[in-house]
Amino acid sequence: MVQGRTARRTALTLVSALLTLLIAPGLLAQGLVAIPAYEARVIDLTGTLTANEQSALESKLAEFEARKGSQIAVLMLPTTQPEDIAQFGIRLADAWKPGRKQVDDGAILIVAKDDRRMRIEVGYGLEGALPDAIAKRIIDQTVTPLFKQNDYYGGIDAGLDRMMRVVDGEPLPPPDPSWDGSSSILELLPFLFLRC
């Protein structure tokens, strides 16, 4: 009888632990900041940048992409909490996948305004040109001083200029004028079959 109760208790504990493992990630994920749709090169969820400022940054990044092939994006949001900006940056890069697929030459300047945190998330293809040390220097020496003067547009603009100059020094494949950044239906077929 005692062995039966012990076995039942052990089974219930295992089932409870299994349910916790299955449910807990979903509960944690519900509290995370949602990743916005990647609909523009510059996304400001704080309302800090004017329409003209966003348009100017967008044009600058589009010209750079057409010339170099590499893709740089900006996301300005209030906070990444409860996640650290580095963890959020990894989720963002996984969702957005900036840059060319085979080259992985994208970068994202992330500004968490209320947290007073910034990060440059870089694809593998740019890690040689834009390693963490250089990204930190761009943030500390170029972007932050202007942000401290409440010049958010100036800080982002100057930071992008520095990022583009660094990436310009990296030998990358030339831009493909036929590439529009969207996946073809043929690339999606394996995933469509797996979902059925």
Protein backbone atom coordinates (compact mmCIF):
# COMPACT_ATOMS: atom_id res chain seq x y z
CA MET A 1 0.00 0.00 0.00
CA VAL A 2 2.82 2.39 0.94
CA GLN A 3 4.68 1.49 -2.26
CA GLY A 4 1.53 2.23 -4.26
CA ARG A 5 1.18 5.69 -2.66
CA THR A 6 4.87 6.43 -3.23
CA ALA A 7 4.62 5.36 -6.86
CA ARG A 8 1.49 7.50 -7.32
CA ARG A 9 3.16 10.48 -5.62
CA THR A 10 6.26 10.06 -7.83
CA ALA A 11 4.10 9.84 -10.95
CA LEU A 12 2.15 12.98 -9.95
CA THR A 13 5.40 14.83 -9.26
CA LEU A 14 6.77 13.83 -12.67
CA VAL A 15 3.53 14.86 -14.42
CA SER A 16 3.53 18.17 -12.53
CA ALA A 17 7.18 18.82 -13.44
CA LEU A 18 6.48 17.97 -17.07
CA LEU A 19 3.48 20.30 -17.20
CA THR A 20 5.55 23.07 -15.60
CA LEU A 21 8.25 22.63 -18.22
CA LEU A 22 5.68 22.75 -21.02
CA ILE A 23 3.61 25.65 -19.69
CA ALA A 24 6.26 27.90 -18.08
CA PRO A 25 7.95 29.04 -21.33
CA GLY A 26 4.56 30.11 -22.69
CA LEU A 27 3.80 32.07 -19.53
CA LEU A 28 7.21 33.74 -19.62
CA ALA A 29 6.86 34.57 -23.30
CA GLN A 30 3.55 36.33 -22.64
CA GLY A 31 5.38 38.97 -20.60
CA LEU A 32 8.00 39.69 -23.26
CA VAL A 33 7.88 42.74 -25.51
CA ALA A 34 6.34 41.81 -28.85
CA ILE A 35 8.59 42.00 -31.89
CA PRO A 36 7.12 44.57 -34.30
CA ALA A 37 6.63 43.72 -37.96
CA TYR A 38 9.65 44.57 -40.11
CA GLU A 39 7.83 47.00 -42.39
CA ALA A 40 10.45 49.74 -42.70
CA ARG A 41 14.16 50.26 -42.17
CA VAL A 42 13.38 52.74 -39.37
CA ILE A 43 10.68 51.93 -36.82
CA ASP A 44 10.03 54.32 -33.94
CA LEU A 45 7.53 52.98 -31.41
CA THR A 46 8.16 55.91 -29.04
CA GLY A 47 6.94 58.76 -31.25
CA THR A 48 10.28 60.54 -30.74
CA LEU A 49 11.27 60.98 -34.39
CA THR A 50 9.24 63.20 -36.70
CA ALA A 51 7.94 61.85 -39.99
CA ASN A 52 10.58 63.91 -41.84
CA GLU A 53 13.37 62.54 -39.64
CA GLN A 54 12.23 58.95 -40.17
CA SER A 55 11.99 59.57 -43.90
CA ALA A 56 15.51 61.04 -44.03
CA LEU A 57 16.97 58.06 -42.13
CA GLU A 58 15.00 55.63 -44.30
CA SER A 59 16.37 57.25 -47.49
CA LYS A 60 19.93 57.16 -46.17
CA LEU A 61 19.66 53.45 -45.34
CA ALA A 62 17.99 52.62 -48.67
CA GLU A 63 20.80 54.37 -50.58
CA PHE A 64 23.41 52.53 -48.53
CA GLU A 65 21.72 49.18 -49.16
CA ALA A 66 21.49 49.85 -52.91
CA ARG A 67 25.18 50.77 -53.03
CA LYS A 68 26.70 48.23 -50.62
CA GLY A 69 24.12 45.42 -50.46
CA SER A 70 24.29 45.27 -46.68
CA GLN A 71 21.13 46.19 -44.78
CA ILE A 72 20.95 48.32 -41.63
CA ALA A 73 17.74 48.92 -39.67
CA VAL A 74 16.73 50.97 -36.64
CA LEU A 75 14.24 50.09 -33.93
CA MET A 76 13.39 52.63 -31.26
CA LEU A 77 11.08 51.32 -28.54
CA PRO A 78 10.25 52.35 -24.97
CA THR A 79 11.64 49.26 -23.21
CA THR A 80 12.79 45.69 -23.69
CA GLN A 81 11.94 44.73 -20.09
CA PRO A 82 11.72 42.16 -18.62
CA GLU A 83 14.39 41.09 -21.12
CA ASP A 84 17.87 42.47 -21.24
CA ILE A 85 18.46 44.40 -24.48
CA ALA A 86 20.97 41.75 -25.63
CA GLN A 87 18.40 38.96 -25.28
CA PHE A 88 15.77 41.09 -27.00
CA GLY A 89 18.26 41.87 -29.77
CA ILE A 90 18.76 38.18 -30.49
CA ARG A 91 14.99 37.63 -30.72
CA LEU A 92 14.65 40.69 -32.95
CA ALA A 93 17.44 39.61 -35.31
CA ASP A 94 15.96 36.10 -35.52
CA ALA A 95 12.56 37.56 -36.44
CA TRP A 96 13.68 40.32 -38.80
CA LYS A 97 16.69 38.60 -40.42
CA PRO A 98 18.13 41.80 -41.92
CA GLY A 99 20.70 41.49 -44.67
CA ARG A 100 21.11 39.04 -47.49
CA LYS A 101 20.34 35.41 -46.73
CA GLN A 102 23.62 33.85 -47.88
CA VAL A 103 25.80 36.71 -46.59
CA ASP A 104 23.99 37.54 -43.29
CA ASP A 105 25.23 41.12 -43.60
CA GLY A 106 22.54 42.94 -41.67
CA ALA A 107 22.71 45.10 -38.55
CA ILE A 108 20.09 46.65 -36.28
CA LEU A 109 20.55 49.71 -34.09
CA ILE A 110 18.22 49.13 -31.13
CA VAL A 111 17.31 52.02 -28.84
CA ALA A 112 15.31 51.24 -25.67
CA LYS A 113 14.58 54.87 -24.79
CA ASP A 114 13.04 54.53 -21.31
CA ASP A 115 15.65 51.94 -20.28
CA ARG A 116 18.46 54.22 -21.52
CA ARG A 117 19.97 51.24 -23.28
CA MET A 118 21.27 50.78 -26.83
CA ARG A 119 22.67 47.89 -28.78
CA ILE A 120 23.91 47.18 -32.27
CA GLU A 121 22.89 43.64 -33.25
CA VAL A 122 25.08 42.36 -36.09
CA GLY A 123 24.75 39.42 -38.50
CA TYR A 124 27.63 36.96 -38.90
CA GLY A 125 28.65 38.50 -42.21
CA LEU A 126 29.46 41.82 -40.49
CA GLU A 127 31.03 40.54 -37.27
CA GLY A 128 34.52 41.06 -38.68
CA ALA A 129 33.85 44.70 -39.56
CA LEU A 130 31.52 45.57 -36.69
CA PRO A 131 32.54 43.51 -33.64
CA ASP A 132 31.14 44.26 -30.17
CA ALA A 133 34.06 46.56 -29.26
CA ILE A 134 33.50 48.83 -32.28
CA ALA A 135 29.71 48.75 -31.84
CA LYS A 136 30.15 49.80 -28.19
CA ARG A 137 32.51 52.60 -29.21
CA ILE A 138 29.98 53.91 -31.77
CA ILE A 139 27.26 53.93 -29.10
CA ASP A 140 29.44 55.45 -26.36
CA GLN A 141 31.32 58.05 -28.39
CA THR A 142 28.84 59.02 -31.11
CA VAL A 143 25.24 58.22 -30.19
CA THR A 144 25.14 58.70 -26.40
CA PRO A 145 26.57 62.26 -26.28
CA LEU A 146 23.84 63.48 -28.68
CA PHE A 147 21.12 61.55 -26.82
CA LYS A 148 22.22 63.31 -23.61
CA GLN A 149 21.41 66.59 -25.36
CA ASN A 150 17.95 65.16 -26.27
CA ASP A 151 19.03 65.05 -29.93
CA TYR A 152 17.73 61.57 -30.72
CA TYR A 153 17.60 62.10 -34.46
CA GLY A 154 21.15 63.49 -34.50
CA GLY A 155 22.42 60.59 -32.40
CA ILE A 156 20.83 57.94 -34.59
CA ASP A 157 21.91 59.72 -37.78
CA ALA A 158 25.52 60.07 -36.60
CA GLY A 159 25.56 56.47 -35.32
CA LEU A 160 24.33 55.18 -38.67
CA ASP A 161 27.00 57.22 -40.47
CA ARG A 162 29.70 55.58 -38.33
CA MET A 163 28.20 52.11 -38.84
CA MET A 164 28.05 52.62 -42.61
CA ARG A 165 31.66 53.83 -42.77
CA VAL A 166 32.80 50.72 -40.88
CA VAL A 167 30.73 48.37 -43.07
CA ASP A 168 32.02 50.12 -46.20
CA GLY A 169 35.48 48.80 -45.32
CA GLU A 170 34.25 45.18 -45.28
CA PRO A 171 34.61 43.26 -48.59
CA LEU A 172 31.11 41.93 -49.28
CA PRO A 173 29.50 40.53 -52.43
CA PRO A 174 28.10 43.30 -54.66
CA PRO A 175 24.42 44.16 -54.29
CA ASP A 176 21.95 42.13 -56.34
CA PRO A 177 19.65 44.64 -58.10
CA SER A 178 16.97 41.97 -58.57
CA TRP A 179 16.75 41.19 -54.83
CA ASP A 180 13.75 42.84 -53.16
CA GLY A 181 14.18 41.35 -49.67
CA SER A 182 11.14 39.08 -49.85
CA SER A 183 11.22 35.31 -49.98
CA SER A 184 10.07 33.54 -53.11
CA ILE A 185 7.33 30.92 -52.89
CA LEU A 186 9.91 28.26 -53.84
CA GLU A 187 11.95 29.08 -50.73
CA LEU A 188 8.85 28.68 -48.57
CA LEU A 189 7.68 25.35 -50.04
CA PRO A 190 9.60 23.11 -47.59
CA PHE A 191 8.05 25.00 -44.67
CA LEU A 192 4.57 24.83 -46.18
CA PHE A 193 4.84 21.06 -46.55
CA LEU A 194 6.12 20.64 -43.00
CA ARG A 195 3.17 22.55 -41.58
CA CYS A 196 0.57 20.38 -43.36
